[in-house]
Amino acid sequence: MPWNKRTLALPASPPSVRLARDWVTGVLVDIGRPELAESARLAVSELVTNAILHAEPPMTVHVRGTVEHPRIEVTDQSLVPPLQRHSASEIDIEDDLSWSTVGRGLDLVASYALRWGADIDARGSGKVVWFEPATEPQERPVPGALFDLDEALDERGEVRLEQADLAEVRLDNMPVELFAHLRRHFNELGRELRLLALTDPDRYPLAVEFAEVYLQVEHERRHVVGLEELDAAIRSGVESVDLTYHLPPGAPETMTRLSRLLDEIYATFGDERLLAVRPTAVLLDLQHWYLGEFTRQDAGEEPRPWTGPTRFSRRHEAS
């Protein structure tokens, strides 16, 4: 069963390795998986060390997934895939015993993991290197799974569309700041369910379906005309903006499917408290309005402007 998000923010300094190692151990003991602690301690020490040496702050460590398949994640802002080797001589390790794993490279992670990999998303939160700890070392290091959103979208190829082929959707009084929060939530949700689909696909077929729809949404997003106006509005900090999108003819159907799937995910995973799948109430309202406009206008109905709040507040964060 999934549990609420466990997150530890780390400074980019050597003591973070000991801090991350002890914290992960405590979480695994707390959820009833102490037999995974030693593998997790060794592997997370390696990943935090790599992040300090080669990546960009801020850094965080997460324990996510399920009790049956807990997943340790180390995040940073770099979009560079994790390096295979590094040397302890690159830093001053002093007498801190938490650096005892330095220099073994990602082979150590691969040896103490059932699965591991990296997830890179330039529109999300940078890079996540993750692993699912094993109860004992593997006979052979497990190959890592690298997911790069841009590469995955490139594999789907370009779509050549004439202007006459594009559908039109109007989004009146779009709340710019609120939508930026919703976009970040969607990116986090996409990564979370993509990794859940990878580590436990048989138990969570909804996560598998969402991972596919997420890619289709991002693929079609590349071909939308008018997104640059929203991006400019986000940068300028305006409160709201009226937008007109011209998009591939299949995009409204994809957005309708996404809306149905999100509601099903929230309902199915709600009791299990799966990490970060439910936005706050105001963002959920915005999601329903936004996706609903694609469905409504595709059916020939007139646009309905957003009538909710236009700014995100602490009250919305708690709701």
C-alpha atoms as a PDB file:
ATOM      1  CA  MET A   1       0.000   0.000   0.000  1.00  0.00           C
ATOM      2  CA  PRO A   2       1.314   3.479  -0.845  1.00  0.00           C
ATOM      3  CA  TRP A   3       1.893   6.076   1.854  1.00  0.00           C
ATOM      4  CA  ASN A   4       2.220   9.818   2.075  1.00  0.00           C
ATOM      5  CA  LYS A   5       5.241  11.535   0.617  1.00  0.00           C
ATOM      6  CA  ARG A   6       8.434  11.330   2.715  1.00  0.00           C
ATOM      7  CA  THR A   7      10.900  14.040   1.700  1.00  0.00           C
ATOM      8  CA  LEU A   8      14.237  15.275   3.034  1.00  0.00           C
ATOM      9  CA  ALA A   9      15.835  18.472   1.727  1.00  0.00           C
ATOM     10  CA  LEU A  10      19.645  18.404   1.732  1.00  0.00           C
ATOM     11  CA  PRO A  11      22.414  21.000   1.549  1.00  0.00           C
ATOM     12  CA  ALA A  12      25.136  20.323  -1.030  1.00  0.00           C
ATOM     13  CA  SER A  13      27.776  19.410   1.569  1.00  0.00           C
ATOM     14  CA  PRO A  14      29.465  16.195   2.818  1.00  0.00           C
ATOM     15  CA  PRO A  15      27.377  15.824   6.024  1.00  0.00           C
ATOM     16  CA  SER A  16      24.328  15.345   3.793  1.00  0.00           C
ATOM     17  CA  VAL A  17      25.452  11.807   3.007  1.00  0.00           C
ATOM     18  CA  ARG A  18      25.204  10.688   6.617  1.00  0.00           C
ATOM     19  CA  LEU A  19      21.964  12.610   7.051  1.00  0.00           C
ATOM     20  CA  ALA A  20      20.347  10.968   4.008  1.00  0.00           C
ATOM     21  CA  ARG A  21      21.562   7.509   4.964  1.00  0.00           C
ATOM     22  CA  ASP A  22      20.206   7.701   8.514  1.00  0.00           C
ATOM     23  CA  TRP A  23      16.945   9.283   7.403  1.00  0.00           C
ATOM     24  CA  VAL A  24      16.225   6.622   4.770  1.00  0.00           C
ATOM     25  CA  THR A  25      16.977   3.902   7.318  1.00  0.00           C
ATOM     26  CA  GLY A  26      14.477   5.435   9.718  1.00  0.00           C
ATOM     27  CA  VAL A  27      11.740   5.620   7.077  1.00  0.00           C
ATOM     28  CA  LEU A  28      12.207   1.982   6.035  1.00  0.00           C
ATOM     29  CA  VAL A  29      12.068   0.834   9.651  1.00  0.00           C
ATOM     30  CA  ASP A  30       8.984   2.982  10.188  1.00  0.00           C
ATOM     31  CA  ILE A  31       7.094   1.363   7.282  1.00  0.00           C
ATOM     32  CA  GLY A  32       8.071  -2.143   8.373  1.00  0.00           C
ATOM     33  CA  ARG A  33      10.856  -2.888   5.864  1.00  0.00           C
ATOM     34  CA  PRO A  34      14.034  -2.940   8.031  1.00  0.00           C
ATOM     35  CA  GLU A  35      15.487  -5.762   5.942  1.00  0.00           C
ATOM     36  CA  LEU A  36      16.024  -3.251   3.118  1.00  0.00           C
ATOM     37  CA  ALA A  37      17.854  -0.716   5.262  1.00  0.00           C
ATOM     38  CA  GLU A  38      21.442  -1.821   4.624  1.00  0.00           C
ATOM     39  CA  SER A  39      21.064  -1.883   0.836  1.00  0.00           C
ATOM     40  CA  ALA A  40      19.291   1.456   0.928  1.00  0.00           C
ATOM     41  CA  ARG A  41      21.968   3.033   3.132  1.00  0.00           C
ATOM     42  CA  LEU A  42      24.760   2.019   0.773  1.00  0.00           C
ATOM     43  CA  ALA A  43      22.968   3.018  -2.418  1.00  0.00           C
ATOM     44  CA  VAL A  44      21.570   6.345  -1.205  1.00  0.00           C
ATOM     45  CA  SER A  45      25.012   7.313   0.104  1.00  0.00           C
ATOM     46  CA  GLU A  46      26.361   6.799  -3.400  1.00  0.00           C
ATOM     47  CA  LEU A  47      23.603   8.806  -5.079  1.00  0.00           C
ATOM     48  CA  VAL A  48      23.832  11.740  -2.687  1.00  0.00           C
ATOM     49  CA  THR A  49      27.613  11.751  -3.114  1.00  0.00           C
ATOM     50  CA  ASN A  50      27.216  11.846  -6.892  1.00  0.00           C
ATOM     51  CA  ALA A  51      24.713  14.690  -6.597  1.00  0.00           C
ATOM     52  CA  ILE A  52      27.081  16.720  -4.416  1.00  0.00           C
ATOM     53  CA  LEU A  53      30.024  16.169  -6.755  1.00  0.00           C
ATOM     54  CA  HIS A  54      28.419  16.462 -10.162  1.00  0.00           C
ATOM     55  CA  ALA A  55      24.912  17.926 -10.002  1.00  0.00           C
ATOM     56  CA  GLU A  56      23.207  21.201  -9.151  1.00  0.00           C
ATOM     57  CA  PRO A  57      21.356  22.120  -5.947  1.00  0.00           C
ATOM     58  CA  PRO A  58      18.801  22.070  -4.510  1.00  0.00           C
ATOM     59  CA  MET A  59      18.833  18.352  -3.678  1.00  0.00           C
ATOM     60  CA  THR A  60      16.149  16.247  -2.052  1.00  0.00           C
ATOM     61  CA  VAL A  61      15.734  12.612  -1.042  1.00  0.00           C
ATOM     62  CA  HIS A  62      12.338  10.942  -1.242  1.00  0.00           C
ATOM     63  CA  VAL A  63      11.001   7.580  -0.143  1.00  0.00           C
ATOM     64  CA  ARG A  64       8.034   6.807  -2.349  1.00  0.00           C
ATOM     65  CA  GLY A  65       6.205   3.950  -3.995  1.00  0.00           C
ATOM     66  CA  THR A  66       4.560   1.248  -1.881  1.00  0.00           C
ATOM     67  CA  VAL A  67       5.408  -0.743   1.229  1.00  0.00           C
ATOM     68  CA  GLU A  68       5.892  -3.770  -1.019  1.00  0.00           C
ATOM     69  CA  HIS A  69       8.031  -1.788  -3.481  1.00  0.00           C
ATOM     70  CA  PRO A  70       9.560   1.231  -1.688  1.00  0.00           C
ATOM     71  CA  ARG A  71      11.562   3.483  -3.980  1.00  0.00           C
ATOM     72  CA  ILE A  72      14.371   5.838  -2.951  1.00  0.00           C
ATOM     73  CA  GLU A  73      14.797   8.953  -5.107  1.00  0.00           C
ATOM     74  CA  VAL A  74      17.535  11.590  -5.141  1.00  0.00           C
ATOM     75  CA  THR A  75      16.616  14.739  -7.068  1.00  0.00           C
ATOM     76  CA  ASP A  76      18.688  17.663  -8.311  1.00  0.00           C
ATOM     77  CA  GLN A  77      18.349  20.382 -10.942  1.00  0.00           C
ATOM     78  CA  SER A  78      20.866  18.982 -13.433  1.00  0.00           C
ATOM     79  CA  LEU A  79      19.650  17.506 -16.721  1.00  0.00           C
ATOM     80  CA  VAL A  80      22.873  15.510 -17.179  1.00  0.00           C
ATOM     81  CA  PRO A  81      22.498  11.718 -16.767  1.00  0.00           C
ATOM     82  CA  PRO A  82      24.269  10.271 -13.698  1.00  0.00           C
ATOM     83  CA  LEU A  83      28.002   9.635 -14.079  1.00  0.00           C
ATOM     84  CA  GLN A  84      29.277   6.091 -13.901  1.00  0.00           C
ATOM     85  CA  ARG A  85      32.392   6.679 -11.788  1.00  0.00           C
ATOM     86  CA  HIS A  86      33.858   9.272  -9.460  1.00  0.00           C
ATOM     87  CA  SER A  87      36.801   9.530  -7.138  1.00  0.00           C
ATOM     88  CA  ALA A  88      36.938  10.162  -3.402  1.00  0.00           C
ATOM     89  CA  SER A  89      39.917  12.453  -4.022  1.00  0.00           C
ATOM     90  CA  GLU A  90      37.595  15.002  -5.635  1.00  0.00           C
ATOM     91  CA  ILE A  91      36.386  16.195  -2.211  1.00  0.00           C
ATOM     92  CA  ASP A  92      37.666  16.630   1.301  1.00  0.00           C
ATOM     93  CA  ILE A  93      36.094  13.679   3.120  1.00  0.00           C
ATOM     94  CA  GLU A  94      37.820  14.460   6.440  1.00  0.00           C
ATOM     95  CA  ASP A  95      36.941  11.829   9.060  1.00  0.00           C
ATOM     96  CA  ASP A  96      33.275  11.492   8.233  1.00  0.00           C
ATOM     97  CA  LEU A  97      32.563   7.756   8.038  1.00  0.00           C
ATOM     98  CA  SER A  98      29.446   8.454   5.990  1.00  0.00           C
ATOM     99  CA  TRP A  99      31.756   8.711   2.972  1.00  0.00           C
ATOM    100  CA  SER A 100      32.772   5.048   3.211  1.00  0.00           C
ATOM    101  CA  THR A 101      30.985   4.199  -0.024  1.00  0.00           C
ATOM    102  CA  VAL A 102      32.614   6.928  -2.147  1.00  0.00           C
ATOM    103  CA  GLY A 103      34.330   5.743  -5.314  1.00  0.00           C
ATOM    104  CA  ARG A 104      32.333   2.629  -6.047  1.00  0.00           C
ATOM    105  CA  GLY A 105      30.206   4.347  -8.699  1.00  0.00           C
ATOM    106  CA  LEU A 106      26.738   3.412  -9.830  1.00  0.00           C
ATOM    107  CA  ASP A 107      27.757  -0.246  -9.924  1.00  0.00           C
ATOM    108  CA  LEU A 108      27.157  -0.213  -6.185  1.00  0.00           C
ATOM    109  CA  VAL A 109      23.627   1.098  -6.677  1.00  0.00           C
ATOM    110  CA  ALA A 110      23.011  -1.512  -9.367  1.00  0.00           C
ATOM    111  CA  SER A 111      24.262  -4.269  -7.068  1.00  0.00           C
ATOM    112  CA  TYR A 112      21.936  -3.379  -4.197  1.00  0.00           C
ATOM    113  CA  ALA A 113      18.800  -2.627  -6.202  1.00  0.00           C
ATOM    114  CA  LEU A 114      16.010  -4.686  -7.712  1.00  0.00           C
ATOM    115  CA  ARG A 115      15.507  -1.843 -10.193  1.00  0.00           C
ATOM    116  CA  TRP A 116      17.097   1.548 -10.653  1.00  0.00           C
ATOM    117  CA  GLY A 117      17.306   4.327 -13.164  1.00  0.00           C
ATOM    118  CA  ALA A 118      17.162   8.035 -13.901  1.00  0.00           C
ATOM    119  CA  ASP A 119      14.284  10.238 -14.999  1.00  0.00           C
ATOM    120  CA  ILE A 120      15.155  13.481 -16.801  1.00  0.00           C
ATOM    121  CA  ASP A 121      12.526  16.114 -17.561  1.00  0.00           C
ATOM    122  CA  ALA A 122      13.493  19.631 -18.614  1.00  0.00           C
ATOM    123  CA  ARG A 123       9.905  20.811 -17.933  1.00  0.00           C
ATOM    124  CA  GLY A 124       9.741  19.141 -14.544  1.00  0.00           C
ATOM    125  CA  SER A 125      12.122  19.223 -11.614  1.00  0.00           C
ATOM    126  CA  GLY A 126      15.418  18.380 -13.314  1.00  0.00           C
ATOM    127  CA  LYS A 127      16.779  14.898 -12.727  1.00  0.00           C
ATOM    128  CA  VAL A 128      15.700  12.070 -10.437  1.00  0.00           C
ATOM    129  CA  VAL A 129      17.953   9.052  -9.842  1.00  0.00           C
ATOM    130  CA  TRP A 130      15.966   6.308  -8.138  1.00  0.00           C
ATOM    131  CA  PHE A 131      16.312   2.723  -6.958  1.00  0.00           C
ATOM    132  CA  GLU A 132      14.220   0.018  -5.371  1.00  0.00           C
ATOM    133  CA  PRO A 133      16.428  -1.566  -2.656  1.00  0.00           C
ATOM    134  CA  ALA A 134      17.021  -5.320  -2.558  1.00  0.00           C
ATOM    135  CA  THR A 135      17.220  -7.434   0.587  1.00  0.00           C
ATOM    136  CA  GLU A 136      20.715  -8.612  -0.395  1.00  0.00           C
ATOM    137  CA  PRO A 137      23.313  -7.884  -3.114  1.00  0.00           C
ATOM    138  CA  GLN A 138      22.481  -9.063  -6.621  1.00  0.00           C
ATOM    139  CA  GLU A 139      24.694 -11.644  -8.323  1.00  0.00           C
ATOM    140  CA  ARG A 140      25.087  -9.240 -11.239  1.00  0.00           C
ATOM    141  CA  PRO A 141      24.508  -5.464 -11.241  1.00  0.00           C
ATOM    142  CA  VAL A 142      21.049  -4.593 -12.547  1.00  0.00           C
ATOM    143  CA  PRO A 143      21.001  -2.461 -15.737  1.00  0.00           C
ATOM    144  CA  GLY A 144      19.598   1.019 -15.142  1.00  0.00           C
ATOM    145  CA  ALA A 145      16.574   2.466 -16.928  1.00  0.00           C
ATOM    146  CA  LEU A 146      17.105   5.995 -18.259  1.00  0.00           C
ATOM    147  CA  PHE A 147      14.005   7.976 -19.170  1.00  0.00           C
ATOM    148  CA  ASP A 148      14.478  11.260 -21.001  1.00  0.00           C
ATOM    149  CA  LEU A 149      11.192  12.959 -21.852  1.00  0.00           C
ATOM    150  CA  ASP A 150      12.591  14.811 -24.866  1.00  0.00           C
ATOM    151  CA  GLU A 151      14.046  11.590 -26.293  1.00  0.00           C
ATOM    152  CA  ALA A 152      10.776   9.729 -25.704  1.00  0.00           C
ATOM    153  CA  LEU A 153       8.865  12.447 -27.552  1.00  0.00           C
ATOM    154  CA  ASP A 154      11.379  12.508 -30.403  1.00  0.00           C
ATOM    155  CA  GLU A 155      10.797   8.783 -30.909  1.00  0.00           C
ATOM    156  CA  ARG A 156       7.148   9.531 -31.657  1.00  0.00           C
ATOM    157  CA  GLY A 157       8.190  11.680 -34.607  1.00  0.00           C
ATOM    158  CA  GLU A 158       6.935  14.985 -35.889  1.00  0.00           C
ATOM    159  CA  VAL A 159       3.378  15.584 -37.053  1.00  0.00           C
ATOM    160  CA  ARG A 160       3.010  17.757 -40.132  1.00  0.00           C
ATOM    161  CA  LEU A 161      -0.254  19.695 -39.967  1.00  0.00           C
ATOM    162  CA  GLU A 162      -1.787  22.307 -42.199  1.00  0.00           C
ATOM    163  CA  GLN A 163      -3.469  25.276 -40.512  1.00  0.00           C
ATOM    164  CA  ALA A 164      -6.851  24.029 -41.748  1.00  0.00           C
ATOM    165  CA  ASP A 165      -6.347  20.749 -39.866  1.00  0.00           C
ATOM    166  CA  LEU A 166      -5.964  22.385 -36.453  1.00  0.00           C
ATOM    167  CA  ALA A 167      -8.755  22.479 -33.882  1.00  0.00           C
ATOM    168  CA  GLU A 168      -9.383  25.697 -31.934  1.00  0.00           C
ATOM    169  CA  VAL A 169      -9.914  26.083 -28.194  1.00  0.00           C
ATOM    170  CA  ARG A 170     -10.394  29.389 -26.360  1.00  0.00           C
ATOM    171  CA  LEU A 171      -9.405  29.702 -22.723  1.00  0.00           C
ATOM    172  CA  ASP A 172     -10.791  32.968 -21.348  1.00  0.00           C
ATOM    173  CA  ASN A 173      -9.565  34.501 -18.091  1.00  0.00           C
ATOM    174  CA  MET A 174      -6.906  31.810 -17.690  1.00  0.00           C
ATOM    175  CA  PRO A 175      -5.428  32.269 -14.161  1.00  0.00           C
ATOM    176  CA  VAL A 176      -1.742  32.406 -14.979  1.00  0.00           C
ATOM    177  CA  GLU A 177      -0.170  31.792 -11.566  1.00  0.00           C
ATOM    178  CA  LEU A 178      -2.630  29.046 -10.648  1.00  0.00           C
ATOM    179  CA  PHE A 179      -2.044  27.293 -13.966  1.00  0.00           C
ATOM    180  CA  ALA A 180       1.722  27.359 -13.396  1.00  0.00           C
ATOM    181  CA  HIS A 181       1.109  25.496 -10.115  1.00  0.00           C
ATOM    182  CA  LEU A 182      -1.161  23.015 -11.910  1.00  0.00           C
ATOM    183  CA  ARG A 183       1.476  22.435 -14.582  1.00  0.00           C
ATOM    184  CA  ARG A 184       4.120  21.648 -11.938  1.00  0.00           C
ATOM    185  CA  HIS A 185       1.722  19.253 -10.243  1.00  0.00           C
ATOM    186  CA  PHE A 186       1.046  17.499 -13.548  1.00  0.00           C
ATOM    187  CA  ASN A 187       4.757  17.078 -14.236  1.00  0.00           C
ATOM    188  CA  GLU A 188       5.315  15.618 -10.769  1.00  0.00           C
ATOM    189  CA  LEU A 189       2.321  13.339 -11.142  1.00  0.00           C
ATOM    190  CA  GLY A 190       3.573  12.145 -14.525  1.00  0.00           C
ATOM    191  CA  ARG A 191       6.945  11.170 -13.107  1.00  0.00           C
ATOM    192  CA  GLU A 192       5.455   9.578  -9.990  1.00  0.00           C
ATOM    193  CA  LEU A 193       3.008   7.376 -11.879  1.00  0.00           C
ATOM    194  CA  ARG A 194       5.551   6.595 -14.602  1.00  0.00           C
ATOM    195  CA  LEU A 195       7.900   5.163 -11.958  1.00  0.00           C
ATOM    196  CA  LEU A 196       5.049   3.350 -10.221  1.00  0.00           C
ATOM    197  CA  ALA A 197       4.113   1.815 -13.571  1.00  0.00           C
ATOM    198  CA  LEU A 198       7.703   0.668 -14.031  1.00  0.00           C
ATOM    199  CA  THR A 199       8.155  -0.870 -10.575  1.00  0.00           C
ATOM    200  CA  ASP A 200       4.699  -2.423 -10.060  1.00  0.00           C
ATOM    201  CA  PRO A 201       2.771  -2.489 -13.379  1.00  0.00           C
ATOM    202  CA  ASP A 202       0.574  -5.513 -12.628  1.00  0.00           C
ATOM    203  CA  ARG A 203      -0.802  -3.972  -9.444  1.00  0.00           C
ATOM    204  CA  TYR A 204      -1.271  -0.486 -10.870  1.00  0.00           C
ATOM    205  CA  PRO A 205      -2.525  -0.711 -14.472  1.00  0.00           C
ATOM    206  CA  LEU A 206      -3.946   2.801 -14.114  1.00  0.00           C
ATOM    207  CA  ALA A 207      -0.409   4.077 -13.648  1.00  0.00           C
ATOM    208  CA  VAL A 208       0.622   2.267 -16.842  1.00  0.00           C
ATOM    209  CA  GLU A 209      -2.253   3.828 -18.770  1.00  0.00           C
ATOM    210  CA  PHE A 210      -1.508   7.277 -17.355  1.00  0.00           C
ATOM    211  CA  ALA A 211       2.166   7.030 -18.339  1.00  0.00           C
ATOM    212  CA  GLU A 212       1.105   6.444 -21.941  1.00  0.00           C
ATOM    213  CA  VAL A 213      -1.484   9.240 -21.942  1.00  0.00           C
ATOM    214  CA  TYR A 214       1.038  11.616 -20.349  1.00  0.00           C
ATOM    215  CA  LEU A 215       3.405  11.058 -23.286  1.00  0.00           C
ATOM    216  CA  GLN A 216       0.582  11.548 -25.794  1.00  0.00           C
ATOM    217  CA  VAL A 217      -0.403  14.838 -24.134  1.00  0.00           C
ATOM    218  CA  GLU A 218       3.190  16.081 -24.204  1.00  0.00           C
ATOM    219  CA  HIS A 219       3.613  14.918 -27.812  1.00  0.00           C
ATOM    220  CA  GLU A 220       0.530  16.832 -28.955  1.00  0.00           C
ATOM    221  CA  ARG A 221       1.545  19.815 -26.836  1.00  0.00           C
ATOM    222  CA  ARG A 222       4.596  20.227 -29.080  1.00  0.00           C
ATOM    223  CA  HIS A 223       2.269  21.023 -31.974  1.00  0.00           C
ATOM    224  CA  VAL A 224      -0.060  23.492 -30.249  1.00  0.00           C
ATOM    225  CA  VAL A 225       0.029  27.026 -31.614  1.00  0.00           C
ATOM    226  CA  GLY A 226      -0.534  29.681 -28.940  1.00  0.00           C
ATOM    227  CA  LEU A 227       1.309  28.185 -25.971  1.00  0.00           C
ATOM    228  CA  GLU A 228       3.995  30.839 -26.271  1.00  0.00           C
ATOM    229  CA  GLU A 229       1.456  33.455 -25.110  1.00  0.00           C
ATOM    230  CA  LEU A 230       0.840  31.508 -21.905  1.00  0.00           C
ATOM    231  CA  ASP A 231       4.564  31.078 -21.292  1.00  0.00           C
ATOM    232  CA  ALA A 232       5.085  34.815 -21.785  1.00  0.00           C
ATOM    233  CA  ALA A 233       2.241  35.571 -19.366  1.00  0.00           C
ATOM    234  CA  ILE A 234       3.779  33.278 -16.732  1.00  0.00           C
ATOM    235  CA  ARG A 235       7.137  35.035 -17.096  1.00  0.00           C
ATOM    236  CA  SER A 236       5.604  38.501 -16.871  1.00  0.00           C
ATOM    237  CA  GLY A 237       3.517  37.713 -13.790  1.00  0.00           C
ATOM    238  CA  VAL A 238       0.165  38.935 -15.133  1.00  0.00           C
ATOM    239  CA  GLU A 239      -2.914  37.814 -13.239  1.00  0.00           C
ATOM    240  CA  SER A 240      -4.925  36.331 -16.104  1.00  0.00           C
ATOM    241  CA  VAL A 241      -4.898  36.078 -19.874  1.00  0.00           C
ATOM    242  CA  ASP A 242      -7.274  35.175 -22.710  1.00  0.00           C
ATOM    243  CA  LEU A 243      -5.791  32.464 -24.907  1.00  0.00           C
ATOM    244  CA  THR A 244      -6.623  30.849 -28.207  1.00  0.00           C
ATOM    245  CA  TYR A 245      -4.991  27.505 -28.935  1.00  0.00           C
ATOM    246  CA  HIS A 246      -4.772  25.832 -32.320  1.00  0.00           C
ATOM    247  CA  LEU A 247      -4.021  22.167 -31.776  1.00  0.00           C
ATOM    248  CA  PRO A 248      -3.907  18.786 -33.530  1.00  0.00           C
ATOM    249  CA  PRO A 249      -7.413  17.479 -34.272  1.00  0.00           C
ATOM    250  CA  GLY A 250      -6.949  14.489 -31.955  1.00  0.00           C
ATOM    251  CA  ALA A 251      -5.896  16.606 -28.960  1.00  0.00           C
ATOM    252  CA  PRO A 252      -9.399  17.291 -27.563  1.00  0.00           C
ATOM    253  CA  GLU A 253     -10.084  13.554 -27.447  1.00  0.00           C
ATOM    254  CA  THR A 254      -6.766  13.010 -25.652  1.00  0.00           C
ATOM    255  CA  MET A 255      -7.638  15.693 -23.105  1.00  0.00           C
ATOM    256  CA  THR A 256     -11.043  14.106 -22.525  1.00  0.00           C
ATOM    257  CA  ARG A 257      -9.337  10.786 -21.910  1.00  0.00           C
ATOM    258  CA  LEU A 258      -6.869  12.462 -19.560  1.00  0.00           C
ATOM    259  CA  SER A 259      -9.693  14.062 -17.562  1.00  0.00           C
ATOM    260  CA  ARG A 260     -11.478  10.728 -17.140  1.00  0.00           C
ATOM    261  CA  LEU A 261      -8.255   8.994 -16.212  1.00  0.00           C
ATOM    262  CA  LEU A 262      -7.282  11.597 -13.606  1.00  0.00           C
ATOM    263  CA  ASP A 263     -10.673  11.313 -11.904  1.00  0.00           C
ATOM    264  CA  GLU A 264     -10.325   7.530 -11.873  1.00  0.00           C
ATOM    265  CA  ILE A 265      -6.813   7.749 -10.417  1.00  0.00           C
ATOM    266  CA  TYR A 266      -7.924  10.123  -7.666  1.00  0.00           C
ATOM    267  CA  ALA A 267     -10.868   7.872  -6.772  1.00  0.00           C
ATOM    268  CA  THR A 268      -8.877   4.622  -6.914  1.00  0.00           C
ATOM    269  CA  PHE A 269      -5.748   5.814  -5.134  1.00  0.00           C
ATOM    270  CA  GLY A 270      -7.428   8.221  -2.735  1.00  0.00           C
ATOM    271  CA  ASP A 271      -7.882   5.723   0.109  1.00  0.00           C
ATOM    272  CA  GLU A 272      -4.339   4.434  -0.386  1.00  0.00           C
ATOM    273  CA  ARG A 273      -2.955   7.974  -0.142  1.00  0.00           C
ATOM    274  CA  LEU A 274      -0.691   7.523  -3.135  1.00  0.00           C
ATOM    275  CA  LEU A 275       1.909  10.240  -3.247  1.00  0.00           C
ATOM    276  CA  ALA A 276       1.027  13.640  -4.634  1.00  0.00           C
ATOM    277  CA  VAL A 277      -1.736  12.416  -6.955  1.00  0.00           C
ATOM    278  CA  ARG A 278      -4.393  14.853  -5.719  1.00  0.00           C
ATOM    279  CA  PRO A 279      -4.008  18.609  -6.205  1.00  0.00           C
ATOM    280  CA  THR A 280      -5.524  21.075  -3.757  1.00  0.00           C
ATOM    281  CA  ALA A 281      -9.219  21.900  -4.152  1.00  0.00           C
ATOM    282  CA  VAL A 282      -8.672  25.071  -6.177  1.00  0.00           C
ATOM    283  CA  LEU A 283      -6.206  23.327  -8.523  1.00  0.00           C
ATOM    284  CA  LEU A 284      -8.655  20.456  -8.931  1.00  0.00           C
ATOM    285  CA  ASP A 285     -11.339  22.964  -9.942  1.00  0.00           C
ATOM    286  CA  LEU A 286      -8.926  24.545 -12.409  1.00  0.00           C
ATOM    287  CA  GLN A 287      -8.036  21.128 -13.830  1.00  0.00           C
ATOM    288  CA  HIS A 288     -11.713  20.281 -14.383  1.00  0.00           C
ATOM    289  CA  TRP A 289     -12.357  23.639 -16.053  1.00  0.00           C
ATOM    290  CA  TYR A 290      -9.250  23.487 -18.232  1.00  0.00           C
ATOM    291  CA  LEU A 291      -9.689  19.930 -19.496  1.00  0.00           C
ATOM    292  CA  GLY A 292     -13.446  20.391 -19.707  1.00  0.00           C
ATOM    293  CA  GLU A 293     -13.078  23.281 -22.143  1.00  0.00           C
ATOM    294  CA  PHE A 294     -11.360  21.009 -24.650  1.00  0.00           C
ATOM    295  CA  THR A 295     -14.224  18.509 -24.391  1.00  0.00           C
ATOM    296  CA  ARG A 296     -17.007  21.105 -24.465  1.00  0.00           C
ATOM    297  CA  GLN A 297     -15.662  23.157 -27.339  1.00  0.00           C
ATOM    298  CA  ASP A 298     -14.878  20.037 -29.357  1.00  0.00           C
ATOM    299  CA  ALA A 299     -18.601  19.240 -29.029  1.00  0.00           C
ATOM    300  CA  GLY A 300     -19.470  22.678 -30.443  1.00  0.00           C
ATOM    301  CA  GLU A 301     -20.262  24.513 -27.186  1.00  0.00           C
ATOM    302  CA  GLU A 302     -19.246  28.088 -26.528  1.00  0.00           C
ATOM    303  CA  PRO A 303     -16.243  28.810 -24.265  1.00  0.00           C
ATOM    304  CA  ARG A 304     -16.841  29.399 -20.562  1.00  0.00           C
ATOM    305  CA  PRO A 305     -14.371  31.687 -18.822  1.00  0.00           C
ATOM    306  CA  TRP A 306     -12.651  30.731 -15.581  1.00  0.00           C
ATOM    307  CA  THR A 307     -14.548  32.338 -12.699  1.00  0.00           C
ATOM    308  CA  GLY A 308     -12.489  31.098  -9.755  1.00  0.00           C
ATOM    309  CA  PRO A 309      -9.531  32.748  -7.988  1.00  0.00           C
ATOM    310  CA  THR A 310      -6.617  33.975 -10.065  1.00  0.00           C
ATOM    311  CA  ARG A 311      -3.880  33.872  -7.420  1.00  0.00           C
ATOM    312  CA  PHE A 312      -2.505  31.005  -5.359  1.00  0.00           C
ATOM    313  CA  SER A 313      -2.573  31.546  -1.598  1.00  0.00           C
ATOM    314  CA  ARG A 314      -1.596  29.605   1.524  1.00  0.00           C
ATOM    315  CA  ARG A 315      -5.298  28.958   2.079  1.00  0.00           C
ATOM    316  CA  HIS A 316      -5.419  27.199  -1.298  1.00  0.00           C
ATOM    317  CA  GLU A 317      -2.310  25.224  -0.435  1.00  0.00           C
ATOM    318  CA  ALA A 318      -3.995  23.782   2.642  1.00  0.00           C
ATOM    319  CA  SER A 319      -7.392  23.173   1.056  1.00  0.00           C
END
